[in-house]
Amino acid sequence: GRNYTHDEWVTHLMMEAKVPATDIEFIAMPASNFGTLSEARYIADLVKGRHYGRLILVTSTYHTRRVWITFSHFLKGQGELYIYGSGENVRFHNIMTEYIKVLLYRYVLIPITGGRF
């Protein structure tokens, strides 16, 4: 009689894909000016601390390249990384904005800061 919350919806989809509910964890992310960069650093520290050998991320399809670049940087040598796009439709504006962000992350933020700030 009600709509799913975001977490309930994702859990439902993952369980339909045969992922046990016990293997699904939602992580509250600290606020930051550089979302993907901060998220990658935070999640990488979590993965390393828990000694995980595999990380599977699902994100917006147009966002997968920046996620790959950023998470690969922080998880270098830490096991397997898989990134999947969710397949939603986006507008041209979103794609162009993301392209600029990819360039910013790849050629400015990660090299200059090493991803740490």
N, C-alpha and C. Protein backbone atom coordinates (compact mmCIF):
# COMPACT_ATOMS: atom_id res chain seq x y z
N GLY A 1 0.79 -1.19 0.00
CA GLY A 1 0.00 0.00 0.00
C GLY A 1 0.84 1.26 0.00
N ARG A 2 2.16 1.14 -0.21
CA ARG A 2 3.02 2.33 -0.23
C ARG A 2 4.15 2.11 -1.22
N ASN A 3 4.84 3.15 -1.57
CA ASN A 3 6.01 3.03 -2.45
C ASN A 3 7.21 2.55 -1.65
N TYR A 4 8.08 1.81 -2.32
CA TYR A 4 9.34 1.40 -1.69
C TYR A 4 10.21 2.62 -1.40
N THR A 5 11.01 2.55 -0.36
CA THR A 5 12.09 3.52 -0.19
C THR A 5 13.16 3.14 -1.21
N HIS A 6 14.11 4.02 -1.43
CA HIS A 6 15.20 3.73 -2.36
C HIS A 6 15.93 2.45 -1.95
N ASP A 7 16.27 2.32 -0.68
CA ASP A 7 17.00 1.14 -0.21
C ASP A 7 16.17 -0.13 -0.38
N GLU A 8 14.89 -0.05 -0.11
CA GLU A 8 14.02 -1.22 -0.28
C GLU A 8 13.95 -1.63 -1.75
N TRP A 9 13.85 -0.64 -2.63
CA TRP A 9 13.77 -0.90 -4.05
C TRP A 9 15.05 -1.58 -4.55
N VAL A 10 16.20 -1.04 -4.16
CA VAL A 10 17.48 -1.62 -4.57
C VAL A 10 17.64 -3.03 -4.00
N THR A 11 17.29 -3.22 -2.75
CA THR A 11 17.37 -4.54 -2.13
C THR A 11 16.51 -5.53 -2.91
N HIS A 12 15.32 -5.13 -3.25
CA HIS A 12 14.40 -5.99 -4.01
C HIS A 12 15.03 -6.38 -5.35
N LEU A 13 15.58 -5.41 -6.08
CA LEU A 13 16.20 -5.70 -7.37
C LEU A 13 17.41 -6.62 -7.23
N MET A 14 18.22 -6.38 -6.21
CA MET A 14 19.40 -7.22 -6.00
C MET A 14 19.00 -8.66 -5.65
N MET A 15 17.98 -8.80 -4.84
CA MET A 15 17.52 -10.13 -4.47
C MET A 15 16.91 -10.85 -5.67
N GLU A 16 16.25 -10.11 -6.57
CA GLU A 16 15.77 -10.71 -7.82
C GLU A 16 16.93 -11.23 -8.66
N ALA A 17 18.09 -10.58 -8.53
CA ALA A 17 19.29 -11.01 -9.25
C ALA A 17 20.07 -12.07 -8.47
N LYS A 18 19.44 -12.63 -7.46
CA LYS A 18 20.00 -13.73 -6.66
C LYS A 18 21.11 -13.31 -5.71
N VAL A 19 21.17 -12.03 -5.35
CA VAL A 19 22.12 -11.56 -4.35
C VAL A 19 21.44 -11.70 -2.99
N PRO A 20 22.03 -12.46 -2.06
CA PRO A 20 21.41 -12.61 -0.74
C PRO A 20 21.33 -11.26 -0.01
N ALA A 21 20.24 -11.05 0.69
CA ALA A 21 20.05 -9.80 1.44
C ALA A 21 21.20 -9.54 2.39
N THR A 22 21.81 -10.60 2.92
CA THR A 22 22.93 -10.44 3.85
C THR A 22 24.19 -9.91 3.17
N ASP A 23 24.23 -9.96 1.83
CA ASP A 23 25.38 -9.45 1.09
C ASP A 23 25.18 -8.02 0.59
N ILE A 24 24.07 -7.41 0.95
CA ILE A 24 23.76 -6.05 0.51
C ILE A 24 23.93 -5.11 1.70
N GLU A 25 24.74 -4.07 1.49
CA GLU A 25 24.97 -3.11 2.56
C GLU A 25 24.89 -1.70 1.99
N PHE A 26 24.15 -0.85 2.64
CA PHE A 26 24.06 0.55 2.25
C PHE A 26 25.00 1.34 3.16
N ILE A 27 25.78 2.19 2.56
CA ILE A 27 26.79 2.96 3.29
C ILE A 27 26.38 4.43 3.30
N ALA A 28 26.30 5.01 4.47
CA ALA A 28 26.04 6.45 4.59
C ALA A 28 27.35 7.19 4.34
N MET A 29 27.32 8.09 3.38
CA MET A 29 28.53 8.79 3.00
C MET A 29 28.61 10.15 3.68
N PRO A 30 29.80 10.52 4.17
CA PRO A 30 29.97 11.86 4.73
C PRO A 30 29.81 12.92 3.64
N ALA A 31 29.32 14.07 3.98
CA ALA A 31 29.15 15.17 3.02
C ALA A 31 30.51 15.65 2.53
N SER A 32 30.56 16.05 1.25
CA SER A 32 31.82 16.52 0.68
C SER A 32 31.53 17.36 -0.55
N ASN A 33 32.48 18.23 -0.90
CA ASN A 33 32.37 19.04 -2.11
C ASN A 33 32.64 18.23 -3.37
N PHE A 34 33.44 17.19 -3.26
CA PHE A 34 33.80 16.35 -4.40
C PHE A 34 33.24 14.96 -4.16
N GLY A 35 31.98 14.76 -4.53
CA GLY A 35 31.25 13.53 -4.23
C GLY A 35 31.97 12.26 -4.59
N THR A 36 32.22 12.05 -5.88
CA THR A 36 32.80 10.78 -6.31
C THR A 36 34.20 10.58 -5.74
N LEU A 37 34.99 11.62 -5.68
CA LEU A 37 36.35 11.52 -5.14
C LEU A 37 36.31 11.14 -3.67
N SER A 38 35.49 11.80 -2.89
CA SER A 38 35.36 11.50 -1.47
C SER A 38 34.74 10.13 -1.24
N GLU A 39 33.74 9.79 -2.04
CA GLU A 39 33.11 8.48 -1.91
C GLU A 39 34.10 7.36 -2.21
N ALA A 40 34.89 7.54 -3.25
CA ALA A 40 35.87 6.51 -3.61
C ALA A 40 36.90 6.33 -2.50
N ARG A 41 37.36 7.42 -1.95
CA ARG A 41 38.34 7.34 -0.85
C ARG A 41 37.72 6.64 0.36
N TYR A 42 36.52 7.00 0.71
CA TYR A 42 35.84 6.43 1.87
C TYR A 42 35.57 4.93 1.68
N ILE A 43 35.01 4.59 0.52
CA ILE A 43 34.71 3.18 0.23
C ILE A 43 35.99 2.36 0.12
N ALA A 44 37.02 2.91 -0.49
CA ALA A 44 38.30 2.18 -0.60
C ALA A 44 38.87 1.88 0.78
N ASP A 45 38.81 2.82 1.68
CA ASP A 45 39.29 2.57 3.05
C ASP A 45 38.46 1.48 3.72
N LEU A 46 37.16 1.49 3.49
CA LEU A 46 36.27 0.48 4.04
C LEU A 46 36.60 -0.90 3.46
N VAL A 47 36.78 -0.98 2.16
CA VAL A 47 37.10 -2.24 1.48
C VAL A 47 38.44 -2.79 1.99
N LYS A 48 39.43 -1.93 2.11
CA LYS A 48 40.74 -2.36 2.60
C LYS A 48 40.65 -2.82 4.04
N GLY A 49 39.94 -2.08 4.87
CA GLY A 49 39.81 -2.43 6.28
C GLY A 49 39.09 -3.75 6.51
N ARG A 50 38.17 -4.07 5.62
CA ARG A 50 37.41 -5.32 5.75
C ARG A 50 38.02 -6.46 4.93
N HIS A 51 39.08 -6.16 4.21
CA HIS A 51 39.80 -7.16 3.41
C HIS A 51 38.92 -7.81 2.34
N TYR A 52 38.09 -7.00 1.70
CA TYR A 52 37.25 -7.50 0.61
C TYR A 52 38.12 -7.72 -0.62
N GLY A 53 37.82 -8.74 -1.37
CA GLY A 53 38.57 -9.02 -2.59
C GLY A 53 37.86 -8.57 -3.85
N ARG A 54 36.59 -8.14 -3.70
CA ARG A 54 35.80 -7.76 -4.86
C ARG A 54 34.82 -6.66 -4.46
N LEU A 55 34.70 -5.67 -5.33
CA LEU A 55 33.74 -4.59 -5.12
C LEU A 55 32.94 -4.42 -6.39
N ILE A 56 31.62 -4.45 -6.26
CA ILE A 56 30.73 -4.25 -7.39
C ILE A 56 29.96 -2.97 -7.13
N LEU A 57 30.06 -2.03 -8.07
CA LEU A 57 29.36 -0.74 -7.96
C LEU A 57 28.37 -0.61 -9.10
N VAL A 58 27.20 -0.11 -8.80
CA VAL A 58 26.19 0.18 -9.81
C VAL A 58 25.93 1.67 -9.73
N THR A 59 26.03 2.34 -10.87
CA THR A 59 25.86 3.78 -10.92
C THR A 59 25.14 4.16 -12.20
N SER A 60 24.86 5.42 -12.36
CA SER A 60 24.26 5.88 -13.61
C SER A 60 25.19 5.54 -14.76
N THR A 61 24.64 5.10 -15.86
CA THR A 61 25.47 4.66 -16.99
C THR A 61 26.44 5.75 -17.44
N TYR A 62 25.98 6.99 -17.52
CA TYR A 62 26.85 8.06 -17.98
C TYR A 62 27.94 8.41 -16.97
N HIS A 63 27.83 7.90 -15.77
CA HIS A 63 28.75 8.20 -14.67
C HIS A 63 29.83 7.11 -14.50
N THR A 64 29.72 6.02 -15.26
CA THR A 64 30.61 4.87 -15.03
C THR A 64 32.08 5.18 -15.28
N ARG A 65 32.39 5.99 -16.26
CA ARG A 65 33.81 6.27 -16.57
C ARG A 65 34.49 7.00 -15.40
N ARG A 66 33.85 8.02 -14.87
CA ARG A 66 34.45 8.76 -13.75
C ARG A 66 34.55 7.88 -12.52
N VAL A 67 33.55 7.06 -12.29
CA VAL A 67 33.59 6.13 -11.16
C VAL A 67 34.76 5.16 -11.33
N TRP A 68 34.93 4.64 -12.54
CA TRP A 68 36.04 3.71 -12.80
C TRP A 68 37.39 4.39 -12.55
N ILE A 69 37.59 5.56 -13.10
CA ILE A 69 38.85 6.29 -12.95
C ILE A 69 39.15 6.53 -11.47
N THR A 70 38.17 6.99 -10.74
CA THR A 70 38.37 7.39 -9.34
C THR A 70 38.54 6.19 -8.43
N PHE A 71 37.65 5.21 -8.52
CA PHE A 71 37.75 4.04 -7.65
C PHE A 71 38.99 3.22 -7.98
N SER A 72 39.36 3.12 -9.26
CA SER A 72 40.58 2.40 -9.63
C SER A 72 41.81 3.02 -8.97
N HIS A 73 41.82 4.33 -8.90
CA HIS A 73 42.94 5.03 -8.25
C HIS A 73 43.07 4.63 -6.79
N PHE A 74 41.97 4.63 -6.07
CA PHE A 74 42.02 4.34 -4.63
C PHE A 74 42.13 2.86 -4.30
N LEU A 75 41.69 2.02 -5.21
CA LEU A 75 41.70 0.57 -4.94
C LEU A 75 42.82 -0.15 -5.66
N LYS A 76 43.78 0.58 -6.16
CA LYS A 76 44.88 -0.01 -6.90
C LYS A 76 45.50 -1.18 -6.11
N GLY A 77 45.49 -2.36 -6.73
CA GLY A 77 46.10 -3.53 -6.10
C GLY A 77 45.27 -4.14 -4.98
N GLN A 78 44.01 -3.77 -4.86
CA GLN A 78 43.19 -4.24 -3.73
C GLN A 78 42.14 -5.26 -4.15
N GLY A 79 42.29 -5.91 -5.27
CA GLY A 79 41.31 -6.91 -5.68
C GLY A 79 40.57 -6.49 -6.94
N GLU A 80 39.40 -7.06 -7.12
CA GLU A 80 38.63 -6.86 -8.34
C GLU A 80 37.62 -5.73 -8.17
N LEU A 81 37.48 -4.93 -9.22
CA LEU A 81 36.53 -3.83 -9.23
C LEU A 81 35.63 -3.98 -10.45
N TYR A 82 34.32 -4.00 -10.23
CA TYR A 82 33.35 -4.09 -11.30
C TYR A 82 32.40 -2.90 -11.19
N ILE A 83 32.17 -2.26 -12.32
CA ILE A 83 31.26 -1.12 -12.34
C ILE A 83 30.23 -1.35 -13.45
N TYR A 84 28.98 -1.22 -13.07
CA TYR A 84 27.88 -1.44 -14.00
C TYR A 84 27.02 -0.19 -14.07
N GLY A 85 26.55 0.10 -15.27
CA GLY A 85 25.62 1.20 -15.46
C GLY A 85 24.19 0.74 -15.25
N SER A 86 23.39 1.61 -14.71
CA SER A 86 22.00 1.27 -14.41
C SER A 86 21.09 1.37 -15.63
N GLY A 87 21.57 1.96 -16.71
CA GLY A 87 20.84 1.96 -17.96
C GLY A 87 19.73 2.98 -18.11
N GLU A 88 19.68 3.99 -17.27
CA GLU A 88 18.62 4.99 -17.39
C GLU A 88 18.91 5.95 -18.52
N ASN A 89 17.88 6.60 -19.01
CA ASN A 89 18.03 7.61 -20.06
C ASN A 89 18.43 8.94 -19.43
N VAL A 90 19.33 9.65 -20.09
CA VAL A 90 19.76 10.96 -19.58
C VAL A 90 19.73 11.97 -20.72
N ARG A 91 19.81 13.21 -20.35
CA ARG A 91 19.81 14.29 -21.33
C ARG A 91 21.23 14.62 -21.75
N PHE A 92 21.34 15.22 -22.90
CA PHE A 92 22.63 15.61 -23.45
C PHE A 92 23.41 16.47 -22.47
N HIS A 93 22.72 17.36 -21.79
CA HIS A 93 23.35 18.23 -20.80
C HIS A 93 24.08 17.42 -19.73
N ASN A 94 23.45 16.35 -19.24
CA ASN A 94 24.08 15.50 -18.22
C ASN A 94 25.35 14.84 -18.75
N ILE A 95 25.31 14.40 -19.98
CA ILE A 95 26.47 13.74 -20.58
C ILE A 95 27.62 14.72 -20.74
N MET A 96 27.33 15.92 -21.20
CA MET A 96 28.39 16.92 -21.38
C MET A 96 28.98 17.36 -20.04
N THR A 97 28.13 17.54 -19.04
CA THR A 97 28.62 17.89 -17.70
C THR A 97 29.53 16.78 -17.18
N GLU A 98 29.11 15.56 -17.37
CA GLU A 98 29.91 14.42 -16.90
C GLU A 98 31.25 14.35 -17.62
N TYR A 99 31.26 14.62 -18.92
CA TYR A 99 32.50 14.61 -19.68
C TYR A 99 33.50 15.62 -19.10
N ILE A 100 33.03 16.80 -18.76
CA ILE A 100 33.89 17.82 -18.15
C ILE A 100 34.40 17.33 -16.79
N LYS A 101 33.55 16.70 -16.01
CA LYS A 101 33.96 16.17 -14.71
C LYS A 101 35.01 15.07 -14.86
N VAL A 102 34.85 14.22 -15.86
CA VAL A 102 35.85 13.17 -16.11
C VAL A 102 37.21 13.81 -16.35
N LEU A 103 37.25 14.81 -17.19
CA LEU A 103 38.52 15.50 -17.47
C LEU A 103 39.09 16.15 -16.21
N LEU A 104 38.23 16.81 -15.44
CA LEU A 104 38.66 17.45 -14.20
C LEU A 104 39.25 16.43 -13.23
N TYR A 105 38.57 15.32 -13.04
CA TYR A 105 39.05 14.29 -12.12
C TYR A 105 40.35 13.67 -12.62
N ARG A 106 40.37 13.27 -13.89
CA ARG A 106 41.52 12.55 -14.43
C ARG A 106 42.78 13.41 -14.49
N TYR A 107 42.65 14.64 -14.93
CA TYR A 107 43.83 15.46 -15.21
C TYR A 107 44.14 16.53 -14.18
N VAL A 108 43.23 16.77 -13.25
CA VAL A 108 43.49 17.81 -12.25
C VAL A 108 43.39 17.26 -10.83
N LEU A 109 42.22 16.85 -10.41
CA LEU A 109 41.99 16.50 -9.01
C LEU A 109 42.83 15.32 -8.52
N ILE A 110 42.76 14.22 -9.23
CA ILE A 110 43.51 13.04 -8.77
C ILE A 110 45.02 13.27 -8.85
N PRO A 111 45.57 13.77 -9.97
CA PRO A 111 47.03 13.98 -10.00
C PRO A 111 47.54 15.02 -8.99
N ILE A 112 46.83 16.12 -8.85
CA ILE A 112 47.32 17.18 -7.97
C ILE A 112 47.19 16.83 -6.50
N THR A 113 46.06 16.27 -6.14
CA THR A 113 45.83 15.99 -4.72
C THR A 113 46.15 14.54 -4.35
N GLY A 114 46.36 13.70 -5.35
CA GLY A 114 46.52 12.28 -5.07
C GLY A 114 45.21 11.73 -4.53
N GLY A 115 44.14 12.51 -4.71
CA GLY A 115 42.84 12.10 -4.20
C GLY A 115 42.65 12.40 -2.73
N ARG A 116 43.65 12.99 -2.09
CA ARG A 116 43.55 13.30 -0.66
C ARG A 116 43.50 14.81 -0.47
N PHE A 117 42.58 15.26 0.34
CA PHE A 117 42.51 16.69 0.66
C PHE A 117 41.86 16.87 1.99
